[in-house]
Structure formats: C-alpha cells, structure tokens
N, C-alpha and C. Protein backbone atom coordinates (compact mmCIF):
# COMPACT_ATOMS: atom_id res chain seq x y z
N MET A 1 126.39 63.22 84.27
CA MET A 1 125.63 62.31 85.13
C MET A 1 126.59 61.27 85.70
N ASP A 2 126.42 60.96 86.96
CA ASP A 2 127.27 60.00 87.64
C ASP A 2 126.96 58.60 87.13
N ARG A 3 127.95 57.94 86.56
CA ARG A 3 127.74 56.62 85.96
C ARG A 3 127.29 55.58 86.98
N LEU A 4 127.80 55.69 88.20
CA LEU A 4 127.45 54.69 89.21
C LEU A 4 126.01 54.85 89.69
N LYS A 5 125.45 56.06 89.58
CA LYS A 5 124.09 56.29 90.04
C LYS A 5 123.08 56.28 88.89
N ALA A 6 123.58 56.32 87.67
CA ALA A 6 122.70 56.38 86.50
C ALA A 6 122.08 55.01 86.25
N PRO A 7 120.87 54.99 85.68
CA PRO A 7 120.29 53.69 85.32
C PRO A 7 121.11 53.04 84.21
N ALA A 8 121.10 51.74 84.19
CA ALA A 8 121.85 51.01 83.16
C ALA A 8 121.28 51.33 81.79
N MET A 9 122.16 51.69 80.90
CA MET A 9 121.74 52.02 79.54
C MET A 9 122.42 51.05 78.59
N VAL A 10 121.65 50.38 77.77
CA VAL A 10 122.20 49.45 76.80
C VAL A 10 121.80 49.94 75.43
N SER A 11 122.81 50.23 74.62
CA SER A 11 122.50 50.69 73.28
C SER A 11 122.14 49.49 72.40
N GLU A 12 121.43 49.78 71.36
CA GLU A 12 121.09 48.71 70.44
C GLU A 12 122.35 48.25 69.74
N GLY A 13 122.36 47.01 69.35
CA GLY A 13 123.56 46.47 68.71
C GLY A 13 124.43 45.79 69.74
N ARG A 14 125.70 45.88 69.53
CA ARG A 14 126.65 45.20 70.42
C ARG A 14 126.80 45.92 71.75
N ALA A 15 126.57 45.24 72.83
CA ALA A 15 126.72 45.84 74.15
C ALA A 15 128.17 45.79 74.58
N ARG A 16 128.55 46.74 75.39
CA ARG A 16 129.92 46.79 75.91
C ARG A 16 130.07 45.76 77.02
N HIS A 17 131.14 44.97 76.94
CA HIS A 17 131.42 43.98 77.98
C HIS A 17 132.05 44.70 79.17
N ARG A 18 131.52 44.47 80.35
CA ARG A 18 132.05 45.10 81.56
C ARG A 18 133.00 44.14 82.24
N ASP A 19 134.19 44.63 82.52
CA ASP A 19 135.20 43.82 83.17
C ASP A 19 135.08 43.86 84.68
N HIS A 20 134.45 44.90 85.22
CA HIS A 20 134.38 45.07 86.67
C HIS A 20 132.94 45.26 87.11
N THR A 21 132.66 44.82 88.33
CA THR A 21 131.33 45.01 88.90
C THR A 21 131.18 46.46 89.38
N ASP A 22 129.96 46.84 89.70
CA ASP A 22 129.71 48.19 90.23
C ASP A 22 130.49 48.41 91.52
N GLU A 23 130.58 47.38 92.36
CA GLU A 23 131.31 47.49 93.62
C GLU A 23 132.80 47.71 93.38
N GLU A 24 133.35 47.00 92.41
CA GLU A 24 134.77 47.17 92.09
C GLU A 24 135.04 48.56 91.53
N GLU A 25 134.15 49.03 90.67
CA GLU A 25 134.31 50.37 90.12
C GLU A 25 134.18 51.42 91.22
N ALA A 26 133.25 51.23 92.15
CA ALA A 26 133.08 52.17 93.25
C ALA A 26 134.33 52.20 94.13
N ALA A 27 134.94 51.05 94.35
CA ALA A 27 136.18 50.99 95.14
C ALA A 27 137.29 51.77 94.45
N LEU A 28 137.40 51.62 93.15
CA LEU A 28 138.43 52.33 92.40
C LEU A 28 138.16 53.84 92.40
N VAL A 29 136.91 54.23 92.24
CA VAL A 29 136.55 55.65 92.28
C VAL A 29 136.89 56.22 93.65
N GLY A 30 136.60 55.47 94.70
CA GLY A 30 136.93 55.92 96.05
C GLY A 30 138.42 56.12 96.22
N LEU A 31 139.20 55.20 95.68
CA LEU A 31 140.66 55.33 95.75
C LEU A 31 141.13 56.59 95.01
N LEU A 32 140.60 56.80 93.80
CA LEU A 32 141.01 57.97 93.03
C LEU A 32 140.63 59.28 93.73
N LYS A 33 139.43 59.31 94.35
CA LYS A 33 139.03 60.50 95.08
C LYS A 33 139.94 60.73 96.28
N TYR A 34 140.29 59.66 96.98
CA TYR A 34 141.20 59.76 98.12
C TYR A 34 142.55 60.31 97.66
N MET A 35 143.07 59.75 96.57
CA MET A 35 144.37 60.19 96.06
C MET A 35 144.32 61.67 95.66
N ALA A 36 143.21 62.10 95.06
CA ALA A 36 143.08 63.50 94.67
C ALA A 36 143.05 64.42 95.89
N ARG A 37 142.34 64.01 96.95
CA ARG A 37 142.30 64.82 98.17
C ARG A 37 143.67 64.94 98.81
N GLN A 38 144.48 63.89 98.70
CA GLN A 38 145.81 63.88 99.29
C GLN A 38 146.86 64.48 98.35
N GLU A 39 146.41 64.90 97.15
CA GLU A 39 147.28 65.45 96.11
C GLU A 39 148.35 64.46 95.68
N LEU A 40 147.96 63.19 95.61
CA LEU A 40 148.86 62.14 95.14
C LEU A 40 148.59 61.88 93.66
N PRO A 41 149.65 61.68 92.89
CA PRO A 41 149.43 61.40 91.47
C PRO A 41 148.85 59.99 91.27
N ALA A 42 147.95 59.86 90.32
CA ALA A 42 147.36 58.56 90.01
C ALA A 42 148.12 57.97 88.82
N CYS A 43 149.35 57.54 89.08
CA CYS A 43 150.16 57.01 87.99
C CYS A 43 149.67 55.61 87.60
N ARG A 44 150.01 55.21 86.41
CA ARG A 44 149.54 53.95 85.85
C ARG A 44 149.91 52.74 86.71
N GLU A 45 151.13 52.71 87.24
CA GLU A 45 151.58 51.57 88.04
C GLU A 45 150.76 51.42 89.31
N VAL A 46 150.47 52.55 89.97
CA VAL A 46 149.67 52.51 91.20
C VAL A 46 148.26 52.03 90.88
N LEU A 47 147.67 52.58 89.82
CA LEU A 47 146.31 52.18 89.46
C LEU A 47 146.22 50.71 89.11
N LYS A 48 147.18 50.21 88.33
CA LYS A 48 147.17 48.79 87.97
C LYS A 48 147.27 47.91 89.21
N SER A 49 148.13 48.31 90.14
CA SER A 49 148.29 47.54 91.37
C SER A 49 147.00 47.52 92.18
N LYS A 50 146.35 48.66 92.31
CA LYS A 50 145.11 48.74 93.09
C LYS A 50 143.97 47.99 92.42
N VAL A 51 143.90 48.05 91.09
CA VAL A 51 142.87 47.29 90.38
C VAL A 51 143.09 45.80 90.60
N ARG A 52 144.33 45.35 90.55
CA ARG A 52 144.62 43.93 90.83
C ARG A 52 144.19 43.56 92.24
N ASP A 53 144.47 44.44 93.21
CA ASP A 53 144.06 44.18 94.60
C ASP A 53 142.54 44.06 94.71
N ILE A 54 141.82 44.95 94.04
CA ILE A 54 140.36 44.92 94.08
C ILE A 54 139.84 43.63 93.47
N ILE A 55 140.40 43.24 92.32
CA ILE A 55 139.97 42.02 91.66
C ILE A 55 140.29 40.80 92.50
N ASN A 56 141.47 40.74 93.09
CA ASN A 56 141.84 39.61 93.93
C ASN A 56 140.94 39.51 95.16
N THR A 57 140.57 40.65 95.72
CA THR A 57 139.69 40.66 96.88
C THR A 57 138.30 40.15 96.52
N SER A 58 137.86 40.48 95.30
CA SER A 58 136.51 40.05 94.88
C SER A 58 136.45 38.57 94.52
N GLY A 59 137.62 37.95 94.35
CA GLY A 59 137.64 36.51 94.06
C GLY A 59 137.51 36.15 92.60
N LYS A 60 137.70 37.10 91.71
CA LYS A 60 137.61 36.79 90.28
C LYS A 60 138.79 36.00 89.81
C-alpha cells in the first residue's frame, strides 16, 4: 500500500515521530522516481543534499 495515500495509522503505545511532512516526503519520492527513470544512482551524499534542500525550502 502506498504510504502517502494510505490513511494515517497510529499504533497503540509510543507513536513514531515524523521528521518530515507529507509534502517533503512526496518531494523526495518524486526525486527518487526521477533518478530511477534516468538510471542515476541514489547515493547517500546526493540524497542527504536533496533532503537538506527540501527542508531549507520548507523553512524548518
């Protein structure tokens, strides 16, 4: 099931803290899909840089 389209599920007990909003996660998913279509590797350095860009754009 697609996490971005699924209803929010909260398990009993301690809930998981989310570091990113749905919009930020969607932006990252879009980037990863684009990179996959272009056959570009999603290396850790590139992903960290793009996540920082997304967070900076959101104003966090």
